[in-house]
Amino acid sequence: MTNNATLNSLLNDNRLTGTNYPEWKRKLILVLKPEKIHHVISTDGPPLPHTTEGDDYVAWETFKEKDALATVYILSSIDKNLQSSCDDLESAKDVMEHLEQTFRKQVRLARQ
């Protein structure tokens, strides 16, 4: 379970505003890891199975639940103007790819 202080820090003190992307992403991962949902920001989920019975459906449903939770954390921790740019995105991975592309220059500078 997520440490409340870390989550509060992400939601309040480290909200993504556009100039702090590398630090925000690092803090986001610190929040997502204890929830065991950090993988959804970089992984495609399993395809929708043809039936609602069996392990394939359970795996799909579990991934979708984790993805929805990660998406809530992400969108709750970014500036409202940035939130609106993510309205049509369907998954946490899509949101993260959009933000990474938006702030690509900051990402490159942080890696140097």
PDB file of N, CA and C in Angstrom:
ATOM      1  N   MET A   1       0.837  -1.180   0.000  1.00  0.00           N
ATOM      2  CA  MET A   1       0.000   0.000   0.000  1.00  0.00           C
ATOM      3  C   MET A   1       0.880   1.241   0.000  1.00  0.00           C
ATOM      4  N   THR A   2       0.441   2.283  -0.670  1.00  0.00           N
ATOM      5  CA  THR A   2       1.205   3.512  -0.813  1.00  0.00           C
ATOM      6  C   THR A   2       1.325   4.248   0.508  1.00  0.00           C
ATOM      7  N   ASN A   3       2.516   4.748   0.777  1.00  0.00           N
ATOM      8  CA  ASN A   3       2.754   5.608   1.928  1.00  0.00           C
ATOM      9  C   ASN A   3       1.994   6.915   1.698  1.00  0.00           C
ATOM     10  N   ASN A   4       1.138   7.292   2.644  1.00  0.00           N
ATOM     11  CA  ASN A   4       0.325   8.496   2.479  1.00  0.00           C
ATOM     12  C   ASN A   4       1.157   9.751   2.306  1.00  0.00           C
ATOM     13  N   ALA A   5       2.298   9.837   2.982  1.00  0.00           N
ATOM     14  CA  ALA A   5       3.152  11.016   2.851  1.00  0.00           C
ATOM     15  C   ALA A   5       3.698  11.133   1.429  1.00  0.00           C
ATOM     16  N   THR A   6       4.091  10.012   0.848  1.00  0.00           N
ATOM     17  CA  THR A   6       4.607  10.031  -0.522  1.00  0.00           C
ATOM     18  C   THR A   6       3.505  10.416  -1.497  1.00  0.00           C
ATOM     19  N   LEU A   7       2.325   9.862  -1.318  1.00  0.00           N
ATOM     20  CA  LEU A   7       1.204  10.193  -2.191  1.00  0.00           C
ATOM     21  C   LEU A   7       0.815  11.660  -2.040  1.00  0.00           C
ATOM     22  N   ASN A   8       0.723  12.138  -0.815  1.00  0.00           N
ATOM     23  CA  ASN A   8       0.394  13.552  -0.592  1.00  0.00           C
ATOM     24  C   ASN A   8       1.436  14.464  -1.205  1.00  0.00           C
ATOM     25  N   SER A   9       2.696  14.080  -1.113  1.00  0.00           N
ATOM     26  CA  SER A   9       3.765  14.870  -1.710  1.00  0.00           C
ATOM     27  C   SER A   9       3.599  14.951  -3.221  1.00  0.00           C
ATOM     28  N   LEU A  10       3.274  13.833  -3.833  1.00  0.00           N
ATOM     29  CA  LEU A  10       3.073  13.808  -5.280  1.00  0.00           C
ATOM     30  C   LEU A  10       1.878  14.670  -5.674  1.00  0.00           C
ATOM     31  N   LEU A  11       0.778  14.536  -4.941  1.00  0.00           N
ATOM     32  CA  LEU A  11      -0.444  15.245  -5.302  1.00  0.00           C
ATOM     33  C   LEU A  11      -0.379  16.739  -4.998  1.00  0.00           C
ATOM     34  N   ASN A  12       0.401  17.114  -4.009  1.00  0.00           N
ATOM     35  CA  ASN A  12       0.416  18.514  -3.592  1.00  0.00           C
ATOM     36  C   ASN A  12       1.723  19.234  -3.909  1.00  0.00           C
ATOM     37  N   ASP A  13       2.833  18.703  -3.417  1.00  0.00           N
ATOM     38  CA  ASP A  13       4.113  19.401  -3.536  1.00  0.00           C
ATOM     39  C   ASP A  13       4.821  19.159  -4.855  1.00  0.00           C
ATOM     40  N   ASN A  14       4.560  18.057  -5.498  1.00  0.00           N
ATOM     41  CA  ASN A  14       5.291  17.699  -6.721  1.00  0.00           C
ATOM     42  C   ASN A  14       4.373  17.527  -7.916  1.00  0.00           C
ATOM     43  N   ARG A  15       3.271  18.241  -7.933  1.00  0.00           N
ATOM     44  CA  ARG A  15       2.337  18.191  -9.062  1.00  0.00           C
ATOM     45  C   ARG A  15       3.096  18.567 -10.338  1.00  0.00           C
ATOM     46  N   LEU A  16       2.867  17.811 -11.405  1.00  0.00           N
ATOM     47  CA  LEU A  16       3.525  18.107 -12.684  1.00  0.00           C
ATOM     48  C   LEU A  16       2.976  19.414 -13.239  1.00  0.00           C
ATOM     49  N   THR A  17       3.875  20.365 -13.408  1.00  0.00           N
ATOM     50  CA  THR A  17       3.492  21.682 -13.919  1.00  0.00           C
ATOM     51  C   THR A  17       4.104  21.952 -15.285  1.00  0.00           C
ATOM     52  N   GLY A  18       5.058  21.138 -15.690  1.00  0.00           N
ATOM     53  CA  GLY A  18       5.690  21.320 -16.983  1.00  0.00           C
ATOM     54  C   GLY A  18       7.187  21.510 -16.869  1.00  0.00           C
ATOM     55  N   THR A  19       7.645  22.009 -15.746  1.00  0.00           N
ATOM     56  CA  THR A  19       9.083  22.246 -15.598  1.00  0.00           C
ATOM     57  C   THR A  19       9.757  21.185 -14.738  1.00  0.00           C
ATOM     58  N   ASN A  20       9.001  20.280 -14.191  1.00  0.00           N
ATOM     59  CA  ASN A  20       9.541  19.311 -13.235  1.00  0.00           C
ATOM     60  C   ASN A  20       9.282  17.856 -13.636  1.00  0.00           C
ATOM     61  N   TYR A  21       9.190  17.595 -14.917  1.00  0.00           N
ATOM     62  CA  TYR A  21       8.806  16.259 -15.375  1.00  0.00           C
ATOM     63  C   TYR A  21       9.708  15.141 -14.834  1.00  0.00           C
ATOM     64  N   PRO A  22      11.035  15.229 -14.933  1.00  0.00           N
ATOM     65  CA  PRO A  22      11.848  14.100 -14.462  1.00  0.00           C
ATOM     66  C   PRO A  22      11.634  13.787 -12.975  1.00  0.00           C
ATOM     67  N   GLU A  23      11.583  14.813 -12.141  1.00  0.00           N
ATOM     68  CA  GLU A  23      11.376  14.599 -10.706  1.00  0.00           C
ATOM     69  C   GLU A  23       9.965  14.074 -10.439  1.00  0.00           C
ATOM     70  N   TRP A  24       8.979  14.613 -11.136  1.00  0.00           N
ATOM     71  CA  TRP A  24       7.599  14.151 -10.974  1.00  0.00           C
ATOM     72  C   TRP A  24       7.486  12.670 -11.337  1.00  0.00           C
ATOM     73  N   LYS A  25       8.090  12.262 -12.433  1.00  0.00           N
ATOM     74  CA  LYS A  25       8.006  10.864 -12.866  1.00  0.00           C
ATOM     75  C   LYS A  25       8.663   9.944 -11.837  1.00  0.00           C
ATOM     76  N   ARG A  26       9.792  10.369 -11.299  1.00  0.00           N
ATOM     77  CA  ARG A  26      10.475   9.576 -10.278  1.00  0.00           C
ATOM     78  C   ARG A  26       9.561   9.382  -9.063  1.00  0.00           C
ATOM     79  N   LYS A  27       8.905  10.457  -8.630  1.00  0.00           N
ATOM     80  CA  LYS A  27       7.995  10.377  -7.478  1.00  0.00           C
ATOM     81  C   LYS A  27       6.757   9.532  -7.818  1.00  0.00           C
ATOM     82  N   LEU A  28       6.261   9.659  -9.025  1.00  0.00           N
ATOM     83  CA  LEU A  28       5.108   8.858  -9.439  1.00  0.00           C
ATOM     84  C   LEU A  28       5.428   7.375  -9.321  1.00  0.00           C
ATOM     85  N   ILE A  29       6.573   6.972  -9.795  1.00  0.00           N
ATOM     86  CA  ILE A  29       6.957   5.563  -9.729  1.00  0.00           C
ATOM     87  C   ILE A  29       7.075   5.104  -8.281  1.00  0.00           C
ATOM     88  N   LEU A  30       7.554   5.986  -7.403  1.00  0.00           N
ATOM     89  CA  LEU A  30       7.618   5.648  -5.972  1.00  0.00           C
ATOM     90  C   LEU A  30       6.224   5.401  -5.387  1.00  0.00           C
ATOM     91  N   VAL A  31       5.223   6.060  -5.925  1.00  0.00           N
ATOM     92  CA  VAL A  31       3.851   5.850  -5.481  1.00  0.00           C
ATOM     93  C   VAL A  31       3.266   4.582  -6.100  1.00  0.00           C
ATOM     94  N   LEU A  32       3.557   4.339  -7.364  1.00  0.00           N
ATOM     95  CA  LEU A  32       2.955   3.198  -8.066  1.00  0.00           C
ATOM     96  C   LEU A  32       3.550   1.850  -7.667  1.00  0.00           C
ATOM     97  N   LYS A  33       4.841   1.813  -7.337  1.00  0.00           N
ATOM     98  CA  LYS A  33       5.493   0.530  -7.030  1.00  0.00           C
ATOM     99  C   LYS A  33       4.874  -0.209  -5.856  1.00  0.00           C
ATOM    100  N   PRO A  34       4.654   0.444  -4.709  1.00  0.00           N
ATOM    101  CA  PRO A  34       4.054  -0.313  -3.598  1.00  0.00           C
ATOM    102  C   PRO A  34       2.645  -0.828  -3.914  1.00  0.00           C
ATOM    103  N   GLU A  35       1.971  -0.168  -4.819  1.00  0.00           N
ATOM    104  CA  GLU A  35       0.640  -0.619  -5.237  1.00  0.00           C
ATOM    105  C   GLU A  35       0.738  -1.756  -6.258  1.00  0.00           C
ATOM    106  N   LYS A  36       1.962  -2.038  -6.702  1.00  0.00           N
ATOM    107  CA  LYS A  36       2.220  -3.079  -7.700  1.00  0.00           C
ATOM    108  C   LYS A  36       1.493  -2.792  -9.012  1.00  0.00           C
ATOM    109  N   ILE A  37       1.529  -1.501  -9.391  1.00  0.00           N
ATOM    110  CA  ILE A  37       0.869  -1.094 -10.631  1.00  0.00           C
ATOM    111  C   ILE A  37       1.800  -0.295 -11.540  1.00  0.00           C
ATOM    112  N   HIS A  38       3.076  -0.175 -11.172  1.00  0.00           N
ATOM    113  CA  HIS A  38       4.001   0.645 -11.960  1.00  0.00           C
ATOM    114  C   HIS A  38       4.229   0.099 -13.363  1.00  0.00           C
ATOM    115  N   HIS A  39       4.057  -1.181 -13.558  1.00  0.00           N
ATOM    116  CA  HIS A  39       4.296  -1.773 -14.873  1.00  0.00           C
ATOM    117  C   HIS A  39       3.289  -1.305 -15.929  1.00  0.00           C
ATOM    118  N   VAL A  40       2.104  -0.852 -15.520  1.00  0.00           N
ATOM    119  CA  VAL A  40       1.089  -0.477 -16.502  1.00  0.00           C
ATOM    120  C   VAL A  40       1.437   0.807 -17.252  1.00  0.00           C
ATOM    121  N   ILE A  41       2.386   1.606 -16.732  1.00  0.00           N
ATOM    122  CA  ILE A  41       2.736   2.839 -17.439  1.00  0.00           C
ATOM    123  C   ILE A  41       3.670   2.577 -18.620  1.00  0.00           C
ATOM    124  N   SER A  42       4.147   1.351 -18.740  1.00  0.00           N
ATOM    125  CA  SER A  42       5.060   1.041 -19.842  1.00  0.00           C
ATOM    126  C   SER A  42       4.735  -0.271 -20.547  1.00  0.00           C
ATOM    127  N   THR A  43       3.598  -0.845 -20.237  1.00  0.00           N
ATOM    128  CA  THR A  43       3.242  -2.156 -20.776  1.00  0.00           C
ATOM    129  C   THR A  43       1.862  -2.123 -21.413  1.00  0.00           C
ATOM    130  N   ASP A  44       1.753  -2.768 -22.563  1.00  0.00           N
ATOM    131  CA  ASP A  44       0.428  -2.966 -23.152  1.00  0.00           C
ATOM    132  C   ASP A  44      -0.250  -4.102 -22.401  1.00  0.00           C
ATOM    133  N   GLY A  45      -1.510  -3.932 -22.151  1.00  0.00           N
ATOM    134  CA  GLY A  45      -2.262  -4.976 -21.461  1.00  0.00           C
ATOM    135  C   GLY A  45      -2.559  -6.136 -22.378  1.00  0.00           C
ATOM    136  N   PRO A  46      -3.048  -7.203 -21.784  1.00  0.00           N
ATOM    137  CA  PRO A  46      -3.437  -8.350 -22.610  1.00  0.00           C
ATOM    138  C   PRO A  46      -4.638  -7.990 -23.481  1.00  0.00           C
ATOM    139  N   PRO A  47      -4.782  -8.650 -24.598  1.00  0.00           N
ATOM    140  CA  PRO A  47      -5.941  -8.365 -25.451  1.00  0.00           C
ATOM    141  C   PRO A  47      -7.237  -8.809 -24.769  1.00  0.00           C
ATOM    142  N   LEU A  48      -8.315  -8.175 -25.148  1.00  0.00           N
ATOM    143  CA  LEU A  48      -9.629  -8.549 -24.625  1.00  0.00           C
ATOM    144  C   LEU A  48      -9.940  -9.967 -25.077  1.00  0.00           C
ATOM    145  N   PRO A  49     -10.180 -10.858 -24.120  1.00  0.00           N
ATOM    146  CA  PRO A  49     -10.488 -12.239 -24.502  1.00  0.00           C
ATOM    147  C   PRO A  49     -11.867 -12.356 -25.140  1.00  0.00           C
ATOM    148  N   HIS A  50     -12.078 -13.456 -25.816  1.00  0.00           N
ATOM    149  CA  HIS A  50     -13.345 -13.692 -26.512  1.00  0.00           C
ATOM    150  C   HIS A  50     -14.460 -14.101 -25.561  1.00  0.00           C
ATOM    151  N   THR A  51     -14.104 -14.505 -24.358  1.00  0.00           N
ATOM    152  CA  THR A  51     -15.089 -14.957 -23.384  1.00  0.00           C
ATOM    153  C   THR A  51     -14.796 -14.334 -22.026  1.00  0.00           C
ATOM    154  N   THR A  52     -15.808 -14.237 -21.189  1.00  0.00           N
ATOM    155  CA  THR A  52     -15.619 -13.662 -19.857  1.00  0.00           C
ATOM    156  C   THR A  52     -15.286 -14.731 -18.824  1.00  0.00           C
ATOM    157  N   GLU A  53     -14.988 -15.904 -19.276  1.00  0.00           N
ATOM    158  CA  GLU A  53     -14.623 -16.992 -18.378  1.00  0.00           C
ATOM    159  C   GLU A  53     -13.165 -17.354 -18.583  1.00  0.00           C
ATOM    160  N   GLY A  54     -12.524 -17.809 -17.535  1.00  0.00           N
ATOM    161  CA  GLY A  54     -11.165 -18.321 -17.642  1.00  0.00           C
ATOM    162  C   GLY A  54     -10.101 -17.327 -17.231  1.00  0.00           C
ATOM    163  N   ASP A  55      -8.870 -17.822 -17.242  1.00  0.00           N
ATOM    164  CA  ASP A  55      -7.714 -17.052 -16.783  1.00  0.00           C
ATOM    165  C   ASP A  55      -7.420 -15.839 -17.657  1.00  0.00           C
ATOM    166  N   ASP A  56      -7.663 -15.947 -18.959  1.00  0.00           N
ATOM    167  CA  ASP A  56      -7.384 -14.821 -19.845  1.00  0.00           C
ATOM    168  C   ASP A  56      -8.240 -13.608 -19.483  1.00  0.00           C
ATOM    169  N   TYR A  57      -9.494 -13.863 -19.175  1.00  0.00           N
ATOM    170  CA  TYR A  57     -10.380 -12.755 -18.800  1.00  0.00           C
ATOM    171  C   TYR A  57      -9.975 -12.165 -17.453  1.00  0.00           C
ATOM    172  N   VAL A  58      -9.619 -13.004 -16.511  1.00  0.00           N
ATOM    173  CA  VAL A  58      -9.175 -12.528 -15.197  1.00  0.00           C
ATOM    174  C   VAL A  58      -7.918 -11.665 -15.353  1.00  0.00           C
ATOM    175  N   ALA A  59      -6.975 -12.105 -16.174  1.00  0.00           N
ATOM    176  CA  ALA A  59      -5.749 -11.330 -16.400  1.00  0.00           C
ATOM    177  C   ALA A  59      -6.066  -9.991 -17.058  1.00  0.00           C
ATOM    178  N   TRP A  60      -6.953  -9.996 -18.029  1.00  0.00           N
ATOM    179  CA  TRP A  60      -7.353  -8.756 -18.700  1.00  0.00           C
ATOM    180  C   TRP A  60      -8.033  -7.810 -17.723  1.00  0.00           C
ATOM    181  N   GLU A  61      -8.975  -8.322 -16.946  1.00  0.00           N
ATOM    182  CA  GLU A  61      -9.720  -7.506 -15.991  1.00  0.00           C
ATOM    183  C   GLU A  61      -8.799  -6.938 -14.911  1.00  0.00           C
ATOM    184  N   THR A  62      -7.872  -7.747 -14.420  1.00  0.00           N
ATOM    185  CA  THR A  62      -6.919  -7.294 -13.408  1.00  0.00           C
ATOM    186  C   THR A  62      -6.042  -6.183 -13.958  1.00  0.00           C
ATOM    187  N   PHE A  63      -5.554  -6.356 -15.185  1.00  0.00           N
ATOM    188  CA  PHE A  63      -4.729  -5.317 -15.794  1.00  0.00           C
ATOM    189  C   PHE A  63      -5.522  -4.026 -15.948  1.00  0.00           C
ATOM    190  N   LYS A  64      -6.758  -4.119 -16.403  1.00  0.00           N
ATOM    191  CA  LYS A  64      -7.599  -2.929 -16.591  1.00  0.00           C
ATOM    192  C   LYS A  64      -7.824  -2.195 -15.276  1.00  0.00           C
ATOM    193  N   GLU A  65      -8.021  -2.924 -14.185  1.00  0.00           N
ATOM    194  CA  GLU A  65      -8.212  -2.308 -12.871  1.00  0.00           C
ATOM    195  C   GLU A  65      -6.938  -1.574 -12.434  1.00  0.00           C
ATOM    196  N   LYS A  66      -5.791  -2.223 -12.623  1.00  0.00           N
ATOM    197  CA  LYS A  66      -4.523  -1.589 -12.262  1.00  0.00           C
ATOM    198  C   LYS A  66      -4.255  -0.367 -13.135  1.00  0.00           C
ATOM    199  N   ASP A  67      -4.581  -0.476 -14.396  1.00  0.00           N
ATOM    200  CA  ASP A  67      -4.396   0.633 -15.330  1.00  0.00           C
ATOM    201  C   ASP A  67      -5.276   1.823 -14.932  1.00  0.00           C
ATOM    202  N   ALA A  68      -6.510   1.557 -14.557  1.00  0.00           N
ATOM    203  CA  ALA A  68      -7.421   2.628 -14.148  1.00  0.00           C
ATOM    204  C   ALA A  68      -6.902   3.325 -12.896  1.00  0.00           C
ATOM    205  N   LEU A  69      -6.391   2.564 -11.941  1.00  0.00           N
ATOM    206  CA  LEU A  69      -5.859   3.156 -10.719  1.00  0.00           C
ATOM    207  C   LEU A  69      -4.620   4.002 -11.016  1.00  0.00           C
ATOM    208  N   ALA A  70      -3.723   3.486 -11.831  1.00  0.00           N
ATOM    209  CA  ALA A  70      -2.527   4.253 -12.201  1.00  0.00           C
ATOM    210  C   ALA A  70      -2.914   5.531 -12.936  1.00  0.00           C
ATOM    211  N   THR A  71      -3.894   5.450 -13.812  1.00  0.00           N
ATOM    212  CA  THR A  71      -4.347   6.634 -14.550  1.00  0.00           C
ATOM    213  C   THR A  71      -4.893   7.686 -13.599  1.00  0.00           C
ATOM    214  N   VAL A  72      -5.631   7.274 -12.587  1.00  0.00           N
ATOM    215  CA  VAL A  72      -6.146   8.217 -11.589  1.00  0.00           C
ATOM    216  C   VAL A  72      -4.995   8.898 -10.860  1.00  0.00           C
ATOM    217  N   TYR A  73      -4.000   8.137 -10.442  1.00  0.00           N
ATOM    218  CA  TYR A  73      -2.838   8.727  -9.773  1.00  0.00           C
ATOM    219  C   TYR A  73      -2.142   9.737 -10.678  1.00  0.00           C
ATOM    220  N   ILE A  74      -1.950   9.365 -11.923  1.00  0.00           N
ATOM    221  CA  ILE A  74      -1.258  10.256 -12.864  1.00  0.00           C
ATOM    222  C   ILE A  74      -2.050  11.546 -13.062  1.00  0.00           C
ATOM    223  N   LEU A  75      -3.308  11.401 -13.434  1.00  0.00           N
ATOM    224  CA  LEU A  75      -4.112  12.592 -13.735  1.00  0.00           C
ATOM    225  C   LEU A  75      -4.326  13.464 -12.505  1.00  0.00           C
ATOM    226  N   SER A  76      -4.381  12.854 -11.331  1.00  0.00           N
ATOM    227  CA  SER A  76      -4.560  13.625 -10.099  1.00  0.00           C
ATOM    228  C   SER A  76      -3.309  14.406  -9.724  1.00  0.00           C
ATOM    229  N   SER A  77      -2.178  14.032 -10.293  1.00  0.00           N
ATOM    230  CA  SER A  77      -0.918  14.654  -9.904  1.00  0.00           C
ATOM    231  C   SER A  77      -0.350  15.592 -10.968  1.00  0.00           C
ATOM    232  N   ILE A  78      -1.162  15.931 -11.958  1.00  0.00           N
ATOM    233  CA  ILE A  78      -0.687  16.872 -12.973  1.00  0.00           C
ATOM    234  C   ILE A  78      -1.576  18.108 -12.999  1.00  0.00           C
ATOM    235  N   ASP A  79      -1.010  19.183 -13.495  1.00  0.00           N
ATOM    236  CA  ASP A  79      -1.708  20.452 -13.611  1.00  0.00           C
ATOM    237  C   ASP A  79      -2.983  20.285 -14.436  1.00  0.00           C
ATOM    238  N   LYS A  80      -4.008  21.054 -14.094  1.00  0.00           N
ATOM    239  CA  LYS A  80      -5.302  20.925 -14.773  1.00  0.00           C
ATOM    240  C   LYS A  80      -5.207  21.169 -16.278  1.00  0.00           C
ATOM    241  N   ASN A  81      -4.352  22.080 -16.701  1.00  0.00           N
ATOM    242  CA  ASN A  81      -4.179  22.318 -18.137  1.00  0.00           C
ATOM    243  C   ASN A  81      -3.604  21.087 -18.832  1.00  0.00           C
ATOM    244  N   LEU A  82      -2.691  20.396 -18.153  1.00  0.00           N
ATOM    245  CA  LEU A  82      -2.132  19.164 -18.714  1.00  0.00           C
ATOM    246  C   LEU A  82      -3.174  18.052 -18.707  1.00  0.00           C
ATOM    247  N   GLN A  83      -4.022  18.025 -17.687  1.00  0.00           N
ATOM    248  CA  GLN A  83      -5.072  17.011 -17.628  1.00  0.00           C
ATOM    249  C   GLN A  83      -5.949  17.061 -18.873  1.00  0.00           C
ATOM    250  N   SER A  84      -6.302  18.263 -19.284  1.00  0.00           N
ATOM    251  CA  SER A  84      -7.196  18.383 -20.440  1.00  0.00           C
ATOM    252  C   SER A  84      -6.538  17.875 -21.720  1.00  0.00           C
ATOM    253  N   SER A  85      -5.212  17.907 -21.797  1.00  0.00           N
ATOM    254  CA  SER A  85      -4.537  17.388 -22.989  1.00  0.00           C
ATOM    255  C   SER A  85      -4.539  15.859 -23.018  1.00  0.00           C
ATOM    256  N   CYS A  86      -4.965  15.241 -21.923  1.00  0.00           N
ATOM    257  CA  CYS A  86      -4.980  13.785 -21.819  1.00  0.00           C
ATOM    258  C   CYS A  86      -6.387  13.200 -21.884  1.00  0.00           C
ATOM    259  N   ASP A  87      -7.379  14.037 -22.127  1.00  0.00           N
ATOM    260  CA  ASP A  87      -8.775  13.606 -22.077  1.00  0.00           C
ATOM    261  C   ASP A  87      -9.094  12.427 -22.990  1.00  0.00           C
ATOM    262  N   ASP A  88      -8.511  12.358 -24.144  1.00  0.00           N
ATOM    263  CA  ASP A  88      -8.859  11.316 -25.115  1.00  0.00           C
ATOM    264  C   ASP A  88      -7.952  10.088 -25.042  1.00  0.00           C
ATOM    265  N   LEU A  89      -7.060  10.055 -24.078  1.00  0.00           N
ATOM    266  CA  LEU A  89      -6.122   8.942 -23.967  1.00  0.00           C
ATOM    267  C   LEU A  89      -6.760   7.814 -23.165  1.00  0.00           C
ATOM    268  N   GLU A  90      -6.509   6.578 -23.578  1.00  0.00           N
ATOM    269  CA  GLU A  90      -7.253   5.442 -23.038  1.00  0.00           C
ATOM    270  C   GLU A  90      -6.549   4.680 -21.925  1.00  0.00           C
ATOM    271  N   SER A  91      -5.254   4.870 -21.743  1.00  0.00           N
ATOM    272  CA  SER A  91      -4.559   4.063 -20.746  1.00  0.00           C
ATOM    273  C   SER A  91      -3.476   4.888 -20.059  1.00  0.00           C
ATOM    274  N   ALA A  92      -2.996   4.358 -18.939  1.00  0.00           N
ATOM    275  CA  ALA A  92      -1.899   5.008 -18.225  1.00  0.00           C
ATOM    276  C   ALA A  92      -0.660   5.091 -19.126  1.00  0.00           C
ATOM    277  N   LYS A  93      -0.421   4.046 -19.896  1.00  0.00           N
ATOM    278  CA  LYS A  93       0.723   4.050 -20.813  1.00  0.00           C
ATOM    279  C   LYS A  93       0.569   5.161 -21.848  1.00  0.00           C
ATOM    280  N   ASP A  94      -0.634   5.328 -22.392  1.00  0.00           N
ATOM    281  CA  ASP A  94      -0.868   6.397 -23.369  1.00  0.00           C
ATOM    282  C   ASP A  94      -0.619   7.772 -22.753  1.00  0.00           C
ATOM    283  N   VAL A  95      -1.082   7.971 -21.517  1.00  0.00           N
ATOM    284  CA  VAL A  95      -0.880   9.247 -20.837  1.00  0.00           C
ATOM    285  C   VAL A  95       0.611   9.495 -20.628  1.00  0.00           C
ATOM    286  N   MET A  96       1.327   8.493 -20.150  1.00  0.00           N
ATOM    287  CA  MET A  96       2.770   8.660 -19.904  1.00  0.00           C
ATOM    288  C   MET A  96       3.526   8.913 -21.204  1.00  0.00           C
ATOM    289  N   GLU A  97       3.168   8.230 -22.275  1.00  0.00           N
ATOM    290  CA  GLU A  97       3.830   8.480 -23.560  1.00  0.00           C
ATOM    291  C   GLU A  97       3.554   9.900 -24.038  1.00  0.00           C
ATOM    292  N   HIS A  98       2.342  10.379 -23.848  1.00  0.00           N
ATOM    293  CA  HIS A  98       1.991  11.758 -24.219  1.00  0.00           C
ATOM    294  C   HIS A  98       2.815  12.758 -23.401  1.00  0.00           C
ATOM    295  N   LEU A  99       2.899  12.538 -22.097  1.00  0.00           N
ATOM    296  CA  LEU A  99       3.655  13.457 -21.239  1.00  0.00           C
ATOM    297  C   LEU A  99       5.145  13.397 -21.562  1.00  0.00           C
ATOM    298  N   GLU A 100       5.651  12.209 -21.802  1.00  0.00           N
ATOM    299  CA  GLU A 100       7.068  12.056 -22.156  1.00  0.00           C
ATOM    300  C   GLU A 100       7.377  12.801 -23.450  1.00  0.00           C
ATOM    301  N   GLN A 101       6.496  12.677 -24.423  1.00  0.00           N
ATOM    302  CA  GLN A 101       6.690  13.385 -25.687  1.00  0.00           C
ATOM    303  C   GLN A 101       6.608  14.893 -25.472  1.00  0.00           C
ATOM    304  N   THR A 102       5.679  15.326 -24.654  1.00  0.00           N
ATOM    305  CA  THR A 102       5.515  16.746 -24.377  1.00  0.00           C
ATOM    306  C   THR A 102       6.756  17.327 -23.715  1.00  0.00           C
ATOM    307  N   PHE A 103       7.366  16.551 -22.823  1.00  0.00           N
ATOM    308  CA  PHE A 103       8.507  17.044 -22.047  1.00  0.00           C
ATOM    309  C   PHE A 103       9.804  16.334 -22.418  1.00  0.00           C
ATOM    310  N   ARG A 104       9.910  15.877 -23.647  1.00  0.00           N
ATOM    311  CA  ARG A 104      11.064  15.104 -24.121  1.00  0.00           C
ATOM    312  C   ARG A 104      12.395  15.807 -23.860  1.00  0.00           C
ATOM    313  N   LYS A 105      12.465  17.102 -24.082  1.00  0.00           N
ATOM    314  CA  LYS A 105      13.729  17.824 -23.890  1.00  0.00           C
ATOM    315  C   LYS A 105      14.171  17.734 -22.426  1.00  0.00           C
ATOM    316  N   GLN A 106      13.254  17.872 -21.503  1.00  0.00           N
ATOM    317  CA  GLN A 106      13.603  17.761 -20.083  1.00  0.00           C
ATOM    318  C   GLN A 106      14.104  16.365 -19.761  1.00  0.00           C
ATOM    319  N   VAL A 107      13.496  15.351 -20.364  1.00  0.00           N
ATOM    320  CA  VAL A 107      13.904  13.975 -20.134  1.00  0.00           C
ATOM    321  C   VAL A 107      15.339  13.778 -20.615  1.00  0.00           C
ATOM    322  N   ARG A 108      15.666  14.287 -21.785  1.00  0.00           N
ATOM    323  CA  ARG A 108      17.031  14.144 -22.311  1.00  0.00           C
ATOM    324  C   ARG A 108      18.034  14.855 -21.418  1.00  0.00           C
ATOM    325  N   LEU A 109      17.718  16.052 -20.957  1.00  0.00           N
ATOM    326  CA  LEU A 109      18.633  16.785 -20.078  1.00  0.00           C
ATOM    327  C   LEU A 109      18.826  16.064 -18.753  1.00  0.00           C
ATOM    328  N   ALA A 110      17.790  15.455 -18.223  1.00  0.00           N
ATOM    329  CA  ALA A 110      17.886  14.741 -16.948  1.00  0.00           C
ATOM    330  C   ALA A 110      18.746  13.499 -17.059  1.00  0.00           C
ATOM    331  N   ARG A 111      18.793  12.890 -18.239  1.00  0.00           N
ATOM    332  CA  ARG A 111      19.582  11.666 -18.434  1.00  0.00           C
ATOM    333  C   ARG A 111      21.065  11.962 -18.632  1.00  0.00           C
ATOM    334  N   GLN A 112      21.410  13.188 -18.936  1.00  0.00           N
ATOM    335  CA  GLN A 112      22.824  13.522 -19.194  1.00  0.00           C
ATOM    336  C   GLN A 112      23.615  13.635 -17.924  1.00  0.00           C
TER     337      GLN A 112
END
